[in-house]
Amino acid sequence: RLSCAASVSIFSIGTMAWYRQAPG
């Protein structure tokens, strides 16, 4: 289980996303 903590309130933020980058 991954977590993403933001330093601002995300209440008003629209769409959030997870991304990933594999080697190369």
PDB file of all heavy atoms in Angstrom:
ATOM      1  N   ARG A   1       0.853  -1.180   0.000  1.00  0.00           N
ATOM      2  CA  ARG A   1       0.000   0.000   0.000  1.00  0.00           C
ATOM      3  C   ARG A   1       0.896   1.239   0.000  1.00  0.00           C
ATOM      4  O   ARG A   1       1.661   1.448   0.939  1.00  0.00           O
ATOM      5  CB  ARG A   1      -0.915   0.025   1.213  1.00  0.00           C
ATOM      6  CG  ARG A   1      -1.968   1.136   1.173  1.00  0.00           C
ATOM      7  CD  ARG A   1      -2.589   1.330   2.526  1.00  0.00           C
ATOM      8  NE  ARG A   1      -3.820   2.103   2.465  1.00  0.00           N
ATOM      9  CZ  ARG A   1      -4.327   2.764   3.503  1.00  0.00           C
ATOM     10  NH1 ARG A   1      -3.717   2.721   4.677  1.00  0.00           N
ATOM     11  NH2 ARG A   1      -5.453   3.440   3.374  1.00  0.00           N
ATOM     12  N   LEU A   2       0.787   2.029  -1.032  1.00  0.00           N
ATOM     13  CA  LEU A   2       1.544   3.269  -1.122  1.00  0.00           C
ATOM     14  C   LEU A   2       0.706   4.439  -0.615  1.00  0.00           C
ATOM     15  O   LEU A   2      -0.522   4.425  -0.729  1.00  0.00           O
ATOM     16  CB  LEU A   2       1.956   3.540  -2.572  1.00  0.00           C
ATOM     17  CG  LEU A   2       2.729   2.433  -3.285  1.00  0.00           C
ATOM     18  CD1 LEU A   2       3.129   2.910  -4.673  1.00  0.00           C
ATOM     19  CD2 LEU A   2       3.941   2.000  -2.492  1.00  0.00           C
ATOM     20  N   SER A   3       1.399   5.433  -0.080  1.00  0.00           N
ATOM     21  CA  SER A   3       0.740   6.656   0.380  1.00  0.00           C
ATOM     22  C   SER A   3       1.370   7.866  -0.293  1.00  0.00           C
ATOM     23  O   SER A   3       2.561   7.869  -0.593  1.00  0.00           O
ATOM     24  CB  SER A   3       0.860   6.802   1.895  1.00  0.00           C
ATOM     25  OG  SER A   3       0.226   5.746   2.566  1.00  0.00           O
ATOM     26  N   CYS A   4       0.569   8.888  -0.484  1.00  0.00           N
ATOM     27  CA  CYS A   4       1.032  10.166  -1.031  1.00  0.00           C
ATOM     28  C   CYS A   4       0.482  11.263  -0.138  1.00  0.00           C
ATOM     29  O   CYS A   4      -0.732  11.488  -0.110  1.00  0.00           O
ATOM     30  CB  CYS A   4       0.532  10.341  -2.457  1.00  0.00           C
ATOM     31  SG  CYS A   4       0.727  12.011  -3.127  1.00  0.00           S
ATOM     32  N   ALA A   5       1.365  11.914   0.589  1.00  0.00           N
ATOM     33  CA  ALA A   5       0.957  12.989   1.494  1.00  0.00           C
ATOM     34  C   ALA A   5       1.262  14.329   0.851  1.00  0.00           C
ATOM     35  O   ALA A   5       2.381  14.569   0.386  1.00  0.00           O
ATOM     36  CB  ALA A   5       1.689  12.851   2.819  1.00  0.00           C
ATOM     37  N   ALA A   6       0.255  15.213   0.836  1.00  0.00           N
ATOM     38  CA  ALA A   6       0.426  16.540   0.257  1.00  0.00           C
ATOM     39  C   ALA A   6       0.548  17.581   1.358  1.00  0.00           C
ATOM     40  O   ALA A   6      -0.060  17.454   2.421  1.00  0.00           O
ATOM     41  CB  ALA A   6      -0.757  16.871  -0.637  1.00  0.00           C
ATOM     42  N   SER A   7       1.327  18.615   1.101  1.00  0.00           N
ATOM     43  CA  SER A   7       1.543  19.666   2.101  1.00  0.00           C
ATOM     44  C   SER A   7       0.428  20.708   2.081  1.00  0.00           C
ATOM     45  O   SER A   7       0.458  21.654   2.854  1.00  0.00           O
ATOM     46  CB  SER A   7       2.891  20.346   1.865  1.00  0.00           C
ATOM     47  OG  SER A   7       2.920  20.958   0.586  1.00  0.00           O
ATOM     48  N   VAL A   8      -0.543  20.521   1.181  1.00  0.00           N
ATOM     49  CA  VAL A   8      -1.704  21.400   1.119  1.00  0.00           C
ATOM     50  C   VAL A   8      -2.960  20.540   1.140  1.00  0.00           C
ATOM     51  O   VAL A   8      -2.892  19.335   0.883  1.00  0.00           O
ATOM     52  CB  VAL A   8      -1.713  22.267  -0.158  1.00  0.00           C
ATOM     53  CG1 VAL A   8      -0.537  23.222  -0.157  1.00  0.00           C
ATOM     54  CG2 VAL A   8      -1.723  21.404  -1.406  1.00  0.00           C
ATOM     55  N   SER A   9      -4.063  21.160   1.436  1.00  0.00           N
ATOM     56  CA  SER A   9      -5.315  20.417   1.423  1.00  0.00           C
ATOM     57  C   SER A   9      -5.640  19.973  -0.004  1.00  0.00           C
ATOM     58  O   SER A   9      -5.541  20.755  -0.942  1.00  0.00           O
ATOM     59  CB  SER A   9      -6.444  21.298   1.940  1.00  0.00           C
ATOM     60  OG  SER A   9      -7.687  20.660   1.731  1.00  0.00           O
ATOM     61  N   ILE A  10      -6.003  18.706  -0.123  1.00  0.00           N
ATOM     62  CA  ILE A  10      -6.351  18.210  -1.453  1.00  0.00           C
ATOM     63  C   ILE A  10      -7.856  18.208  -1.665  1.00  0.00           C
ATOM     64  O   ILE A  10      -8.344  17.741  -2.684  1.00  0.00           O
ATOM     65  CB  ILE A  10      -5.790  16.790  -1.698  1.00  0.00           C
ATOM     66  CG1 ILE A  10      -6.450  15.772  -0.760  1.00  0.00           C
ATOM     67  CG2 ILE A  10      -4.276  16.773  -1.552  1.00  0.00           C
ATOM     68  CD1 ILE A  10      -6.107  14.323  -1.102  1.00  0.00           C
ATOM     69  N   PHE A  11      -8.567  18.775  -0.700  1.00  0.00           N
ATOM     70  CA  PHE A  11     -10.022  18.738  -0.775  1.00  0.00           C
ATOM     71  C   PHE A  11     -10.538  19.364  -2.058  1.00  0.00           C
ATOM     72  O   PHE A  11     -11.460  18.875  -2.685  1.00  0.00           O
ATOM     73  CB  PHE A  11     -10.632  19.458   0.435  1.00  0.00           C
ATOM     74  CG  PHE A  11     -12.132  19.457   0.427  1.00  0.00           C
ATOM     75  CD1 PHE A  11     -12.824  18.330   0.821  1.00  0.00           C
ATOM     76  CD2 PHE A  11     -12.849  20.568   0.016  1.00  0.00           C
ATOM     77  CE1 PHE A  11     -14.203  18.306   0.813  1.00  0.00           C
ATOM     78  CE2 PHE A  11     -14.230  20.560   0.011  1.00  0.00           C
ATOM     79  CZ  PHE A  11     -14.906  19.428   0.410  1.00  0.00           C
ATOM     80  N   SER A  12      -9.911  20.463  -2.459  1.00  0.00           N
ATOM     81  CA  SER A  12     -10.394  21.179  -3.634  1.00  0.00           C
ATOM     82  C   SER A  12      -9.669  20.781  -4.915  1.00  0.00           C
ATOM     83  O   SER A  12     -10.000  21.274  -5.998  1.00  0.00           O
ATOM     84  CB  SER A  12     -10.251  22.688  -3.419  1.00  0.00           C
ATOM     85  OG  SER A  12      -8.893  23.015  -3.220  1.00  0.00           O
ATOM     86  N   ILE A  13      -8.700  19.899  -4.789  1.00  0.00           N
ATOM     87  CA  ILE A  13      -7.955  19.481  -5.977  1.00  0.00           C
ATOM     88  C   ILE A  13      -8.808  18.529  -6.790  1.00  0.00           C
ATOM     89  O   ILE A  13      -9.490  17.672  -6.247  1.00  0.00           O
ATOM     90  CB  ILE A  13      -6.631  18.813  -5.585  1.00  0.00           C
ATOM     91  CG1 ILE A  13      -5.720  19.832  -4.896  1.00  0.00           C
ATOM     92  CG2 ILE A  13      -5.937  18.215  -6.792  1.00  0.00           C
ATOM     93  CD1 ILE A  13      -4.427  19.234  -4.383  1.00  0.00           C
ATOM     94  N   GLY A  14      -8.773  18.677  -8.075  1.00  0.00           N
ATOM     95  CA  GLY A  14      -9.556  17.810  -8.940  1.00  0.00           C
ATOM     96  C   GLY A  14      -8.987  16.410  -8.999  1.00  0.00           C
ATOM     97  O   GLY A  14      -8.876  15.728  -7.984  1.00  0.00           O
ATOM     98  N   THR A  15      -8.609  15.998 -10.183  1.00  0.00           N
ATOM     99  CA  THR A  15      -8.152  14.633 -10.363  1.00  0.00           C
ATOM    100  C   THR A  15      -6.697  14.472  -9.950  1.00  0.00           C
ATOM    101  O   THR A  15      -5.825  15.174 -10.425  1.00  0.00           O
ATOM    102  CB  THR A  15      -8.335  14.211 -11.824  1.00  0.00           C
ATOM    103  OG1 THR A  15      -9.719  14.332 -12.174  1.00  0.00           O
ATOM    104  CG2 THR A  15      -7.885  12.780 -12.037  1.00  0.00           C
ATOM    105  N   MET A  16      -6.466  13.493  -9.077  1.00  0.00           N
ATOM    106  CA  MET A  16      -5.116  13.148  -8.679  1.00  0.00           C
ATOM    107  C   MET A  16      -4.733  11.815  -9.307  1.00  0.00           C
ATOM    108  O   MET A  16      -5.610  11.052  -9.739  1.00  0.00           O
ATOM    109  CB  MET A  16      -4.999  13.099  -7.162  1.00  0.00           C
ATOM    110  CG  MET A  16      -5.268  14.442  -6.516  1.00  0.00           C
ATOM    111  SD  MET A  16      -4.760  14.500  -4.792  1.00  0.00           S
ATOM    112  CE  MET A  16      -2.974  14.431  -4.946  1.00  0.00           C
ATOM    113  N   ALA A  17      -3.439  11.546  -9.319  1.00  0.00           N
ATOM    114  CA  ALA A  17      -2.987  10.368 -10.060  1.00  0.00           C
ATOM    115  C   ALA A  17      -1.727   9.766  -9.478  1.00  0.00           C
ATOM    116  O   ALA A  17      -0.937  10.450  -8.825  1.00  0.00           O
ATOM    117  CB  ALA A  17      -2.732  10.746 -11.516  1.00  0.00           C
ATOM    118  N   TRP A  18      -1.566   8.490  -9.723  1.00  0.00           N
ATOM    119  CA  TRP A  18      -0.315   7.778  -9.471  1.00  0.00           C
ATOM    120  C   TRP A  18       0.348   7.501 -10.820  1.00  0.00           C
ATOM    121  O   TRP A  18      -0.325   7.137 -11.797  1.00  0.00           O
ATOM    122  CB  TRP A  18      -0.563   6.459  -8.758  1.00  0.00           C
ATOM    123  CG  TRP A  18      -0.822   6.594  -7.304  1.00  0.00           C
ATOM    124  CD1 TRP A  18      -2.022   6.596  -6.667  1.00  0.00           C
ATOM    125  CD2 TRP A  18       0.177   6.740  -6.268  1.00  0.00           C
ATOM    126  NE1 TRP A  18      -1.856   6.737  -5.309  1.00  0.00           N
ATOM    127  CE2 TRP A  18      -0.509   6.820  -5.039  1.00  0.00           C
ATOM    128  CE3 TRP A  18       1.568   6.795  -6.265  1.00  0.00           C
ATOM    129  CZ2 TRP A  18       0.148   6.966  -3.814  1.00  0.00           C
ATOM    130  CZ3 TRP A  18       2.212   6.939  -5.062  1.00  0.00           C
ATOM    131  CH2 TRP A  18       1.510   7.020  -3.854  1.00  0.00           C
ATOM    132  N   TYR A  19       1.669   7.645 -10.818  1.00  0.00           N
ATOM    133  CA  TYR A  19       2.480   7.364 -11.988  1.00  0.00           C
ATOM    134  C   TYR A  19       3.596   6.398 -11.574  1.00  0.00           C
ATOM    135  O   TYR A  19       3.898   6.270 -10.382  1.00  0.00           O
ATOM    136  CB  TYR A  19       3.135   8.649 -12.516  1.00  0.00           C
ATOM    137  CG  TYR A  19       2.170   9.738 -12.909  1.00  0.00           C
ATOM    138  CD1 TYR A  19       1.616  10.581 -11.956  1.00  0.00           C
ATOM    139  CD2 TYR A  19       1.831   9.956 -14.241  1.00  0.00           C
ATOM    140  CE1 TYR A  19       0.733  11.596 -12.306  1.00  0.00           C
ATOM    141  CE2 TYR A  19       0.962  10.971 -14.607  1.00  0.00           C
ATOM    142  CZ  TYR A  19       0.419  11.780 -13.626  1.00  0.00           C
ATOM    143  OH  TYR A  19      -0.457  12.794 -13.986  1.00  0.00           O
ATOM    144  N   ARG A  20       4.229   5.772 -12.542  1.00  0.00           N
ATOM    145  CA  ARG A  20       5.394   4.946 -12.239  1.00  0.00           C
ATOM    146  C   ARG A  20       6.398   5.027 -13.371  1.00  0.00           C
ATOM    147  O   ARG A  20       6.031   5.243 -14.525  1.00  0.00           O
ATOM    148  CB  ARG A  20       4.999   3.506 -11.948  1.00  0.00           C
ATOM    149  CG  ARG A  20       4.480   2.713 -13.137  1.00  0.00           C
ATOM    150  CD  ARG A  20       4.011   1.339 -12.675  1.00  0.00           C
ATOM    151  NE  ARG A  20       3.545   0.500 -13.769  1.00  0.00           N
ATOM    152  CZ  ARG A  20       2.966  -0.687 -13.597  1.00  0.00           C
ATOM    153  NH1 ARG A  20       2.786  -1.180 -12.375  1.00  0.00           N
ATOM    154  NH2 ARG A  20       2.569  -1.386 -14.660  1.00  0.00           N
ATOM    155  N   GLN A  21       7.653   4.841 -12.992  1.00  0.00           N
ATOM    156  CA  GLN A  21       8.735   4.869 -13.975  1.00  0.00           C
ATOM    157  C   GLN A  21       9.647   3.679 -13.732  1.00  0.00           C
ATOM    158  O   GLN A  21      10.309   3.600 -12.689  1.00  0.00           O
ATOM    159  CB  GLN A  21       9.524   6.176 -13.893  1.00  0.00           C
ATOM    160  CG  GLN A  21      10.562   6.329 -14.981  1.00  0.00           C
ATOM    161  CD  GLN A  21      11.131   7.726 -15.046  1.00  0.00           C
ATOM    162  OE1 GLN A  21      11.007   8.521 -14.115  1.00  0.00           O
ATOM    163  NE2 GLN A  21      11.749   8.069 -16.170  1.00  0.00           N
ATOM    164  N   ALA A  22       9.644   2.775 -14.683  1.00  0.00           N
ATOM    165  CA  ALA A  22      10.530   1.607 -14.609  1.00  0.00           C
ATOM    166  C   ALA A  22      11.890   1.978 -15.186  1.00  0.00           C
ATOM    167  O   ALA A  22      12.005   2.936 -15.958  1.00  0.00           O
ATOM    168  CB  ALA A  22       9.918   0.448 -15.388  1.00  0.00           C
ATOM    169  N   PRO A  23      12.935   1.233 -14.836  1.00  0.00           N
ATOM    170  CA  PRO A  23      14.279   1.537 -15.339  1.00  0.00           C
ATOM    171  C   PRO A  23      14.303   1.586 -16.870  1.00  0.00           C
ATOM    172  O   PRO A  23      13.818   0.674 -17.530  1.00  0.00           O
ATOM    173  CB  PRO A  23      15.122   0.382 -14.802  1.00  0.00           C
ATOM    174  CG  PRO A  23      14.397  -0.068 -13.584  1.00  0.00           C
ATOM    175  CD  PRO A  23      12.944   0.110 -13.885  1.00  0.00           C
ATOM    176  N   GLY A  24      14.851   2.660 -17.405  1.00  0.00           N
ATOM    177  CA  GLY A  24      14.973   2.794 -18.847  1.00  0.00           C
ATOM    178  C   GLY A  24      13.705   3.161 -19.574  1.00  0.00           C
ATOM    179  O   GLY A  24      13.687   3.179 -20.810  1.00  0.00           O
TER     180      GLY A  24
END
